[in-house]
Amino acid sequence: MPELILQDDLMCFVCGKNNPCGLKLNFVLDKDRILKTEFTFAKIHQGFKDIVHGGLIGLILDEVMVNLLWIEREDNRIVYTKASAQDEEGSIYAQAQAKCVKIK
């Protein structure tokens, strides 16, 4: 199986700066070593009337956990990650966890 070479052409739907339809999120590691981003959803991001499509929230949480890999803990070949979506007051609206397997 040929080796997969990942290249960033800045077209990622979540964080790509060159994607005209993308969310263009900017991720920042704060002083407590927590990775953060901000985004305000609009009407075009809805599923049911006036409700944000859950897939978009999941997409952002996935980006934080896996692509940017904020690590909660590691056991041998498994990396455990977590993420949450909160408002300015800290109220949690969504949470996610992932187990990522390191491959050789």
C-alpha atoms as a PDB file:
ATOM      1  CA  MET A   1       0.000   0.000   0.000  1.00  0.00           C
ATOM      2  CA  PRO A   2       1.528   3.368  -0.994  1.00  0.00           C
ATOM      3  CA  GLU A   3       2.242   5.894   1.751  1.00  0.00           C
ATOM      4  CA  LEU A   4      -0.392   8.594   2.104  1.00  0.00           C
ATOM      5  CA  ILE A   5       1.134  12.051   1.968  1.00  0.00           C
ATOM      6  CA  LEU A   6      -1.073  14.712   3.518  1.00  0.00           C
ATOM      7  CA  GLN A   7      -0.721  18.179   2.035  1.00  0.00           C
ATOM      8  CA  ASP A   8      -2.374  21.359   3.262  1.00  0.00           C
ATOM      9  CA  ASP A   9      -3.611  23.448   0.341  1.00  0.00           C
ATOM     10  CA  LEU A  10      -5.594  25.732   2.712  1.00  0.00           C
ATOM     11  CA  MET A  11      -8.906  24.386   1.352  1.00  0.00           C
ATOM     12  CA  CYS A  12     -10.014  22.504   4.495  1.00  0.00           C
ATOM     13  CA  PHE A  13     -13.733  23.178   4.982  1.00  0.00           C
ATOM     14  CA  VAL A  14     -13.223  23.892   8.678  1.00  0.00           C
ATOM     15  CA  CYS A  15      -9.973  25.875   8.852  1.00  0.00           C
ATOM     16  CA  GLY A  16      -8.846  26.490   5.264  1.00  0.00           C
ATOM     17  CA  LYS A  17      -8.281  30.164   4.581  1.00  0.00           C
ATOM     18  CA  ASN A  18      -8.630  29.667   0.790  1.00  0.00           C
ATOM     19  CA  ASN A  19     -11.984  27.846   0.878  1.00  0.00           C
ATOM     20  CA  PRO A  20     -14.673  30.375  -0.133  1.00  0.00           C
ATOM     21  CA  CYS A  21     -17.444  28.157   1.325  1.00  0.00           C
ATOM     22  CA  GLY A  22     -15.518  27.096   4.442  1.00  0.00           C
ATOM     23  CA  LEU A  23     -15.847  28.117   8.079  1.00  0.00           C
ATOM     24  CA  LYS A  24     -12.281  29.553   8.170  1.00  0.00           C
ATOM     25  CA  LEU A  25     -11.861  28.785  11.868  1.00  0.00           C
ATOM     26  CA  ASN A  26      -8.749  29.978  13.635  1.00  0.00           C
ATOM     27  CA  PHE A  27      -7.514  27.761  16.497  1.00  0.00           C
ATOM     28  CA  VAL A  28      -5.574  29.233  19.435  1.00  0.00           C
ATOM     29  CA  LEU A  29      -3.819  27.443  22.288  1.00  0.00           C
ATOM     30  CA  ASP A  30      -4.576  29.483  25.425  1.00  0.00           C
ATOM     31  CA  LYS A  31      -2.430  29.956  28.551  1.00  0.00           C
ATOM     32  CA  ASP A  32      -4.035  26.859  30.141  1.00  0.00           C
ATOM     33  CA  ARG A  33      -3.034  24.801  27.071  1.00  0.00           C
ATOM     34  CA  ILE A  34      -6.646  24.506  25.906  1.00  0.00           C
ATOM     35  CA  LEU A  35      -7.239  24.735  22.174  1.00  0.00           C
ATOM     36  CA  LYS A  36     -10.019  27.232  21.383  1.00  0.00           C
ATOM     37  CA  THR A  37     -11.886  28.623  18.409  1.00  0.00           C
ATOM     38  CA  GLU A  38     -14.952  30.819  17.947  1.00  0.00           C
ATOM     39  CA  PHE A  39     -17.719  30.680  15.374  1.00  0.00           C
ATOM     40  CA  THR A  40     -21.187  32.220  15.119  1.00  0.00           C
ATOM     41  CA  PHE A  41     -23.645  30.050  13.231  1.00  0.00           C
ATOM     42  CA  ALA A  42     -26.058  31.653  10.758  1.00  0.00           C
ATOM     43  CA  LYS A  43     -29.401  30.617   9.238  1.00  0.00           C
ATOM     44  CA  ILE A  44     -27.562  28.768   6.443  1.00  0.00           C
ATOM     45  CA  HIS A  45     -26.102  26.390   9.079  1.00  0.00           C
ATOM     46  CA  GLN A  46     -29.455  25.097  10.324  1.00  0.00           C
ATOM     47  CA  GLY A  47     -30.929  21.605  10.257  1.00  0.00           C
ATOM     48  CA  PHE A  48     -34.456  22.006  11.592  1.00  0.00           C
ATOM     49  CA  LYS A  49     -35.904  25.535  11.727  1.00  0.00           C
ATOM     50  CA  ASP A  50     -33.694  27.810  13.858  1.00  0.00           C
ATOM     51  CA  ILE A  51     -31.547  24.890  15.116  1.00  0.00           C
ATOM     52  CA  VAL A  52     -27.891  24.483  14.116  1.00  0.00           C
ATOM     53  CA  HIS A  53     -27.272  21.293  12.162  1.00  0.00           C
ATOM     54  CA  GLY A  54     -25.632  18.871  14.594  1.00  0.00           C
ATOM     55  CA  GLY A  55     -23.276  17.620  11.907  1.00  0.00           C
ATOM     56  CA  LEU A  56     -21.582  21.017  11.798  1.00  0.00           C
ATOM     57  CA  ILE A  57     -21.046  21.011  15.549  1.00  0.00           C
ATOM     58  CA  GLY A  58     -19.659  17.468  15.301  1.00  0.00           C
ATOM     59  CA  LEU A  59     -17.395  18.545  12.452  1.00  0.00           C
ATOM     60  CA  ILE A  60     -15.823  21.306  14.532  1.00  0.00           C
ATOM     61  CA  LEU A  61     -15.413  19.058  17.596  1.00  0.00           C
ATOM     62  CA  ASP A  62     -13.785  16.424  15.374  1.00  0.00           C
ATOM     63  CA  GLU A  63     -11.365  18.994  13.975  1.00  0.00           C
ATOM     64  CA  VAL A  64     -10.249  19.967  17.470  1.00  0.00           C
ATOM     65  CA  MET A  65      -9.910  16.377  18.699  1.00  0.00           C
ATOM     66  CA  VAL A  66      -8.390  14.565  15.757  1.00  0.00           C
ATOM     67  CA  ASN A  67      -6.826  16.858  13.196  1.00  0.00           C
ATOM     68  CA  LEU A  68      -5.358  19.214  15.763  1.00  0.00           C
ATOM     69  CA  LEU A  69      -5.077  16.421  18.382  1.00  0.00           C
ATOM     70  CA  TRP A  70      -5.540  18.038  21.760  1.00  0.00           C
ATOM     71  CA  ILE A  71      -4.475  15.071  23.946  1.00  0.00           C
ATOM     72  CA  GLU A  72      -6.233  14.185  27.196  1.00  0.00           C
ATOM     73  CA  ARG A  73      -4.091  11.063  27.875  1.00  0.00           C
ATOM     74  CA  GLU A  74      -2.197   8.267  26.109  1.00  0.00           C
ATOM     75  CA  ASP A  75      -2.027   4.501  26.711  1.00  0.00           C
ATOM     76  CA  ASN A  76       0.465   2.667  24.523  1.00  0.00           C
ATOM     77  CA  ARG A  77      -0.870   3.188  20.975  1.00  0.00           C
ATOM     78  CA  ILE A  78      -4.164   4.880  21.929  1.00  0.00           C
ATOM     79  CA  VAL A  79      -4.538   8.645  22.285  1.00  0.00           C
ATOM     80  CA  TYR A  80      -7.665   9.866  24.088  1.00  0.00           C
ATOM     81  CA  THR A  81      -9.026  13.274  23.133  1.00  0.00           C
ATOM     82  CA  LYS A  82     -12.057  15.337  24.090  1.00  0.00           C
ATOM     83  CA  ALA A  83     -13.721  18.571  23.054  1.00  0.00           C
ATOM     84  CA  SER A  84     -16.750  20.658  23.984  1.00  0.00           C
ATOM     85  CA  ALA A  85     -18.827  23.445  22.446  1.00  0.00           C
ATOM     86  CA  GLN A  86     -19.581  26.237  24.923  1.00  0.00           C
ATOM     87  CA  ASP A  87     -21.021  29.720  24.926  1.00  0.00           C
ATOM     88  CA  GLU A  88     -19.285  32.815  26.326  1.00  0.00           C
ATOM     89  CA  GLU A  89     -20.551  32.049  29.850  1.00  0.00           C
ATOM     90  CA  GLY A  90     -19.168  28.503  29.757  1.00  0.00           C
ATOM     91  CA  SER A  91     -22.477  26.657  29.301  1.00  0.00           C
ATOM     92  CA  ILE A  92     -21.773  23.409  27.448  1.00  0.00           C
ATOM     93  CA  TYR A  93     -23.945  22.615  24.418  1.00  0.00           C
ATOM     94  CA  ALA A  94     -22.085  19.620  23.000  1.00  0.00           C
ATOM     95  CA  GLN A  95     -19.266  17.295  24.054  1.00  0.00           C
ATOM     96  CA  ALA A  96     -17.275  14.689  22.203  1.00  0.00           C
ATOM     97  CA  GLN A  97     -14.588  12.113  22.959  1.00  0.00           C
ATOM     98  CA  ALA A  98     -12.373  10.132  20.619  1.00  0.00           C
ATOM     99  CA  LYS A  99      -9.876   7.298  20.774  1.00  0.00           C
ATOM    100  CA  CYS A 100      -7.159   7.677  18.154  1.00  0.00           C
ATOM    101  CA  VAL A 101      -4.933   4.716  17.370  1.00  0.00           C
ATOM    102  CA  LYS A 102      -1.307   5.443  16.504  1.00  0.00           C
ATOM    103  CA  ILE A 103      -0.226   3.493  13.452  1.00  0.00           C
ATOM    104  CA  LYS A 104       3.296   2.614  12.458  1.00  0.00           C
END
